[in-house]
Amino acid sequence: MALFRSSSALFFNLYASSNQMVLQCPVFYYRKRNCSFQVRADVCPSTEQGYFLKRAGRRPVLSLGAMVALISLSQSNPTTLAAEVKKGFQLVLDKKDGYSFLFPFGWQEVVVQGQDKVFKDVIEPLESVSINMIPTSKQDIRELGSPQEVADALIKKVLAPPSQKIMLVEASEHDADGKAYYTFEFTAQAPNFTRHALGTIVIANGRFYTLTTGANERRWEKMKDRLHTVVDSFKIDKL
């Protein structure tokens, strides 16, 4: 436990001192006025009908683009793919930072300060996935403590504001390509909503990677399988 305290203190100090990586504006803060974001799309529809019309009209172009990208990537370096791209999902492959993951088709990329990438549903703002990184001298996530210890500290100190009531549902460890990943599930309760979220963390390439995804609690049963697909698809490649 003493090792965990000293290691986690160093880790969270890195979060607090990093201007680029600190989570000043968590993903589930989208409704706050002081958390501005920019949707990377030509038009952000104001009605549900307009949104789905735009999504339907965009699907053939996006699908063709995704197919071309996958063919190119599979020919150049097939090991970097986030396993198999499932139907209804799109692939994010960041060769510069060495990670890949899937996200549900139709989510829009947005810009949020402190996040490397964020994709979200423009109708359901709590349905999103985000990833960020901070530098670290650690070589393995297990150096910081057990899955429960690290997940609990990360949620309380970084992923949820102090005003929200959080509950760690579960945390576990799994190995992929010789790297240890911690995966966890939690809820964060605010006065007017509860976000049910999943996260996965890993240390590689001299960085601490954190990917989180989630949805409003009222839509959890509908979304949980897709969100588990997002978390399970997250992979790190050696740079």
Protein backbone atom coordinates (compact mmCIF):
# COMPACT_ATOMS: atom_id res chain seq x y z
CA MET A 1 0.00 0.00 0.00
CA ALA A 2 2.90 2.37 0.80
CA LEU A 3 4.29 1.75 -2.68
CA PHE A 4 0.89 2.52 -4.18
CA ARG A 5 0.60 5.78 -2.24
CA SER A 6 4.01 7.06 -3.34
CA SER A 7 3.57 5.93 -6.95
CA SER A 8 0.05 7.27 -7.28
CA ALA A 9 1.06 10.60 -5.74
CA LEU A 10 3.71 10.99 -8.44
CA PHE A 11 1.26 9.93 -11.13
CA PHE A 12 -1.50 12.33 -10.11
CA ASN A 13 0.98 15.18 -9.69
CA LEU A 14 1.86 14.61 -13.33
CA TYR A 15 -1.82 14.98 -14.20
CA ALA A 16 -2.09 18.17 -12.20
CA SER A 17 1.03 19.77 -13.67
CA SER A 18 0.48 18.88 -17.32
CA ASN A 19 -1.18 21.65 -19.31
CA GLN A 20 -1.94 19.38 -22.24
CA MET A 21 -3.09 16.18 -20.56
CA VAL A 22 -4.86 17.25 -17.36
CA LEU A 23 -8.56 16.39 -17.34
CA GLN A 24 -9.80 19.88 -16.59
CA CYS A 25 -13.02 19.13 -18.40
CA PRO A 26 -14.20 15.49 -18.08
CA VAL A 27 -16.25 14.06 -20.91
CA PHE A 28 -19.41 13.95 -18.81
CA TYR A 29 -19.17 17.71 -18.23
CA TYR A 30 -20.46 18.54 -21.71
CA ARG A 31 -23.54 20.28 -20.36
CA LYS A 32 -21.45 22.74 -18.34
CA ARG A 33 -21.09 26.19 -19.84
CA ASN A 34 -17.40 26.39 -19.01
CA CYS A 35 -16.62 23.28 -21.04
CA SER A 36 -16.72 24.29 -24.67
CA PHE A 37 -16.22 21.87 -27.49
CA GLN A 38 -16.09 22.05 -31.23
CA VAL A 39 -17.86 19.46 -33.37
CA ARG A 40 -15.78 18.37 -36.36
CA ALA A 41 -18.62 18.27 -38.85
CA ASP A 42 -20.03 20.66 -41.43
CA VAL A 43 -23.32 21.07 -39.58
CA CYS A 44 -24.47 20.06 -36.12
CA PRO A 45 -28.20 19.26 -36.59
CA SER A 46 -30.52 20.85 -34.09
CA THR A 47 -33.23 18.22 -34.34
CA GLU A 48 -33.24 14.46 -34.01
CA GLN A 49 -34.71 14.09 -37.50
CA GLY A 50 -32.04 16.30 -39.03
CA TYR A 51 -29.33 14.40 -37.20
CA PHE A 52 -30.41 11.03 -38.51
CA LEU A 53 -30.93 12.39 -42.02
CA LYS A 54 -27.40 13.78 -41.99
CA ARG A 55 -26.06 10.52 -40.53
CA ALA A 56 -27.84 8.48 -43.22
CA GLY A 57 -26.60 10.72 -46.00
CA ARG A 58 -23.05 10.54 -44.72
CA ARG A 59 -22.92 6.76 -44.21
CA PRO A 60 -21.91 5.67 -47.77
CA VAL A 61 -19.02 8.12 -47.87
CA LEU A 62 -17.78 7.17 -44.41
CA SER A 63 -18.14 3.48 -45.09
CA LEU A 64 -16.15 3.74 -48.33
CA GLY A 65 -13.49 5.77 -46.59
CA ALA A 66 -13.28 3.27 -43.75
CA MET A 67 -12.96 0.38 -46.22
CA VAL A 68 -10.15 2.10 -48.10
CA ALA A 69 -8.36 2.92 -44.85
CA LEU A 70 -8.66 -0.64 -43.59
CA ILE A 71 -7.33 -2.10 -46.85
CA SER A 72 -4.36 0.26 -46.75
CA LEU A 73 -3.64 -0.43 -43.09
CA SER A 74 -3.95 -4.18 -43.41
CA GLN A 75 -1.44 -4.16 -46.25
CA SER A 76 1.07 -1.97 -44.43
CA ASN A 77 0.90 -3.23 -40.84
CA PRO A 78 -1.95 -5.60 -39.94
CA THR A 79 -0.87 -5.99 -36.31
CA THR A 80 -1.85 -2.40 -35.55
CA LEU A 81 -5.55 -2.96 -36.13
CA ALA A 82 -7.83 -3.02 -33.09
CA ALA A 83 -8.50 -6.72 -33.59
CA GLU A 84 -11.41 -7.17 -35.99
CA VAL A 85 -13.53 -4.16 -36.92
CA LYS A 86 -17.06 -5.15 -35.99
CA LYS A 87 -20.15 -4.14 -37.90
CA GLY A 88 -21.49 -0.84 -36.63
CA PHE A 89 -18.09 0.42 -35.47
CA GLN A 90 -15.29 2.54 -36.87
CA LEU A 91 -11.58 2.25 -36.24
CA VAL A 92 -9.29 4.86 -34.74
CA LEU A 93 -5.63 4.13 -35.48
CA ASP A 94 -3.07 6.59 -34.15
CA LYS A 95 0.37 5.52 -35.34
CA LYS A 96 2.06 8.57 -33.86
CA ASP A 97 0.92 7.84 -30.31
CA GLY A 98 0.72 4.08 -30.73
CA TYR A 99 -2.88 3.17 -29.97
CA SER A 100 -6.05 1.93 -31.66
CA PHE A 101 -9.67 1.38 -30.66
CA LEU A 102 -13.19 1.09 -32.05
CA PHE A 103 -16.12 3.46 -31.52
CA PRO A 104 -19.80 3.20 -32.56
CA PHE A 105 -20.60 4.34 -36.08
CA GLY A 106 -22.17 7.80 -36.14
CA TRP A 107 -20.38 9.31 -33.17
CA GLN A 108 -18.74 12.64 -34.00
CA GLU A 109 -15.19 13.66 -33.21
CA VAL A 110 -15.06 16.74 -30.97
CA VAL A 111 -12.26 18.78 -29.48
CA VAL A 112 -12.05 18.82 -25.68
CA GLN A 113 -9.18 20.44 -23.82
CA GLY A 114 -6.92 17.91 -22.14
CA GLN A 115 -8.01 14.97 -24.31
CA ASP A 116 -6.06 13.43 -27.18
CA LYS A 117 -9.24 12.26 -28.94
CA VAL A 118 -12.95 12.38 -28.12
CA PHE A 119 -15.88 10.89 -30.03
CA LYS A 120 -19.47 11.38 -28.89
CA ASP A 121 -23.10 11.11 -29.88
CA VAL A 122 -24.47 14.59 -30.62
CA ILE A 123 -27.94 13.68 -29.32
CA GLU A 124 -26.88 11.78 -26.20
CA PRO A 125 -23.95 13.85 -24.89
CA LEU A 126 -23.05 11.37 -22.15
CA GLU A 127 -22.38 8.67 -24.76
CA SER A 128 -18.75 9.21 -25.62
CA VAL A 129 -15.24 7.82 -25.63
CA SER A 130 -12.09 9.74 -24.81
CA ILE A 131 -8.40 8.96 -24.58
CA ASN A 132 -5.50 10.85 -23.10
CA MET A 133 -1.89 10.21 -22.16
CA ILE A 134 0.68 11.52 -19.71
CA PRO A 135 4.40 10.72 -19.61
CA THR A 136 5.64 8.33 -16.93
CA SER A 137 8.84 6.62 -15.88
CA LYS A 138 6.93 3.51 -14.82
CA GLN A 139 7.19 0.42 -16.98
CA ASP A 140 4.06 -1.46 -15.92
CA ILE A 141 0.63 -0.48 -14.59
CA ARG A 142 1.07 -2.98 -11.76
CA GLU A 143 3.78 -0.77 -10.28
CA LEU A 144 1.04 1.64 -9.16
CA GLY A 145 -1.03 -0.92 -7.25
CA SER A 146 -3.88 -3.37 -7.76
CA PRO A 147 -6.67 -2.79 -10.32
CA GLN A 148 -9.06 -1.75 -7.54
CA GLU A 149 -6.60 0.68 -5.93
CA VAL A 150 -5.54 2.36 -9.15
CA ALA A 151 -9.07 2.57 -10.61
CA ASP A 152 -10.55 3.97 -7.39
CA ALA A 153 -7.86 6.66 -7.09
CA LEU A 154 -8.05 7.55 -10.79
CA ILE A 155 -11.83 7.95 -10.71
CA LYS A 156 -11.84 10.06 -7.53
CA LYS A 157 -8.91 12.29 -8.44
CA VAL A 158 -9.18 12.58 -12.23
CA LEU A 159 -12.24 11.11 -13.94
CA ALA A 160 -15.02 12.53 -11.74
CA PRO A 161 -15.34 15.94 -10.07
CA PRO A 162 -15.49 16.02 -6.26
CA SER A 163 -19.15 17.07 -6.35
CA GLN A 164 -20.24 13.76 -7.90
CA LYS A 165 -20.90 10.60 -5.93
CA ILE A 166 -18.85 7.80 -7.45
CA MET A 167 -19.01 4.05 -7.06
CA LEU A 168 -16.46 1.57 -8.39
CA VAL A 169 -18.47 -1.41 -9.65
CA GLU A 170 -15.54 -3.67 -10.52
CA ALA A 171 -11.93 -3.65 -11.67
CA SER A 172 -9.84 -6.39 -13.25
CA GLU A 173 -6.56 -7.09 -15.01
CA HIS A 174 -5.85 -8.75 -18.35
CA ASP A 175 -2.80 -9.18 -20.55
CA ALA A 176 -2.54 -8.43 -24.26
CA ASP A 177 0.66 -8.74 -26.27
CA GLY A 178 2.70 -8.96 -23.09
CA LYS A 179 1.23 -5.78 -21.56
CA ALA A 180 -0.94 -5.58 -18.45
CA TYR A 181 -4.19 -3.62 -18.81
CA TYR A 182 -6.52 -2.61 -15.97
CA THR A 183 -10.21 -2.42 -16.91
CA PHE A 184 -12.85 -0.98 -14.61
CA GLU A 185 -16.53 -0.02 -14.40
CA PHE A 186 -17.95 2.82 -12.32
CA THR A 187 -20.86 5.20 -11.90
CA ALA A 188 -20.68 8.96 -11.28
CA GLN A 189 -23.85 10.51 -9.89
CA ALA A 190 -24.54 14.22 -10.40
CA PRO A 191 -27.68 16.08 -9.21
CA ASN A 192 -29.49 15.69 -12.53
CA PHE A 193 -27.93 12.60 -14.12
CA THR A 194 -25.82 9.51 -13.49
CA ARG A 195 -23.13 8.41 -15.92
CA HIS A 196 -22.31 4.70 -16.13
CA ALA A 197 -18.78 4.34 -17.45
CA LEU A 198 -16.05 1.92 -18.40
CA GLY A 199 -12.34 2.57 -18.51
CA THR A 200 -9.08 0.89 -19.37
CA ILE A 201 -5.54 1.96 -18.51
CA VAL A 202 -2.10 0.74 -19.51
CA ILE A 203 1.52 1.88 -19.33
CA ALA A 204 3.56 1.58 -22.52
CA ASN A 205 5.90 3.67 -24.67
CA GLY A 206 6.80 5.78 -21.64
CA ARG A 207 3.17 6.90 -21.28
CA PHE A 208 0.17 6.26 -19.08
CA TYR A 209 -2.82 5.75 -21.42
CA THR A 210 -6.39 6.20 -20.18
CA LEU A 211 -9.45 5.39 -22.29
CA THR A 212 -12.94 5.97 -20.88
CA THR A 213 -16.38 5.50 -22.38
CA GLY A 214 -19.87 5.63 -20.96
CA ALA A 215 -23.54 6.55 -21.21
CA ASN A 216 -26.40 7.94 -19.20
CA GLU A 217 -27.55 5.38 -16.63
CA ARG A 218 -31.01 5.32 -18.20
CA ARG A 219 -29.46 4.03 -21.45
CA TRP A 220 -26.90 1.71 -19.91
CA GLU A 221 -28.71 -1.55 -20.68
CA LYS A 222 -29.05 -0.52 -24.32
CA MET A 223 -25.47 0.69 -24.69
CA LYS A 224 -23.38 -1.55 -22.44
CA ASP A 225 -22.49 -4.17 -25.06
CA ARG A 226 -21.28 -1.50 -27.46
CA LEU A 227 -19.31 0.24 -24.73
CA HIS A 228 -17.66 -3.03 -23.73
CA THR A 229 -16.67 -3.48 -27.37
CA VAL A 230 -14.99 -0.06 -27.28
CA VAL A 231 -13.00 -0.86 -24.14
CA ASP A 232 -12.10 -4.37 -25.23
CA SER A 233 -10.81 -3.09 -28.59
CA PHE A 234 -8.27 -0.71 -27.06
CA LYS A 235 -4.74 -1.80 -27.95
CA ILE A 236 -1.28 -0.29 -27.66
CA ASP A 237 1.43 -0.73 -30.28
CA LYS A 238 5.12 -0.35 -29.59
CA LEU A 239 6.52 2.90 -30.98
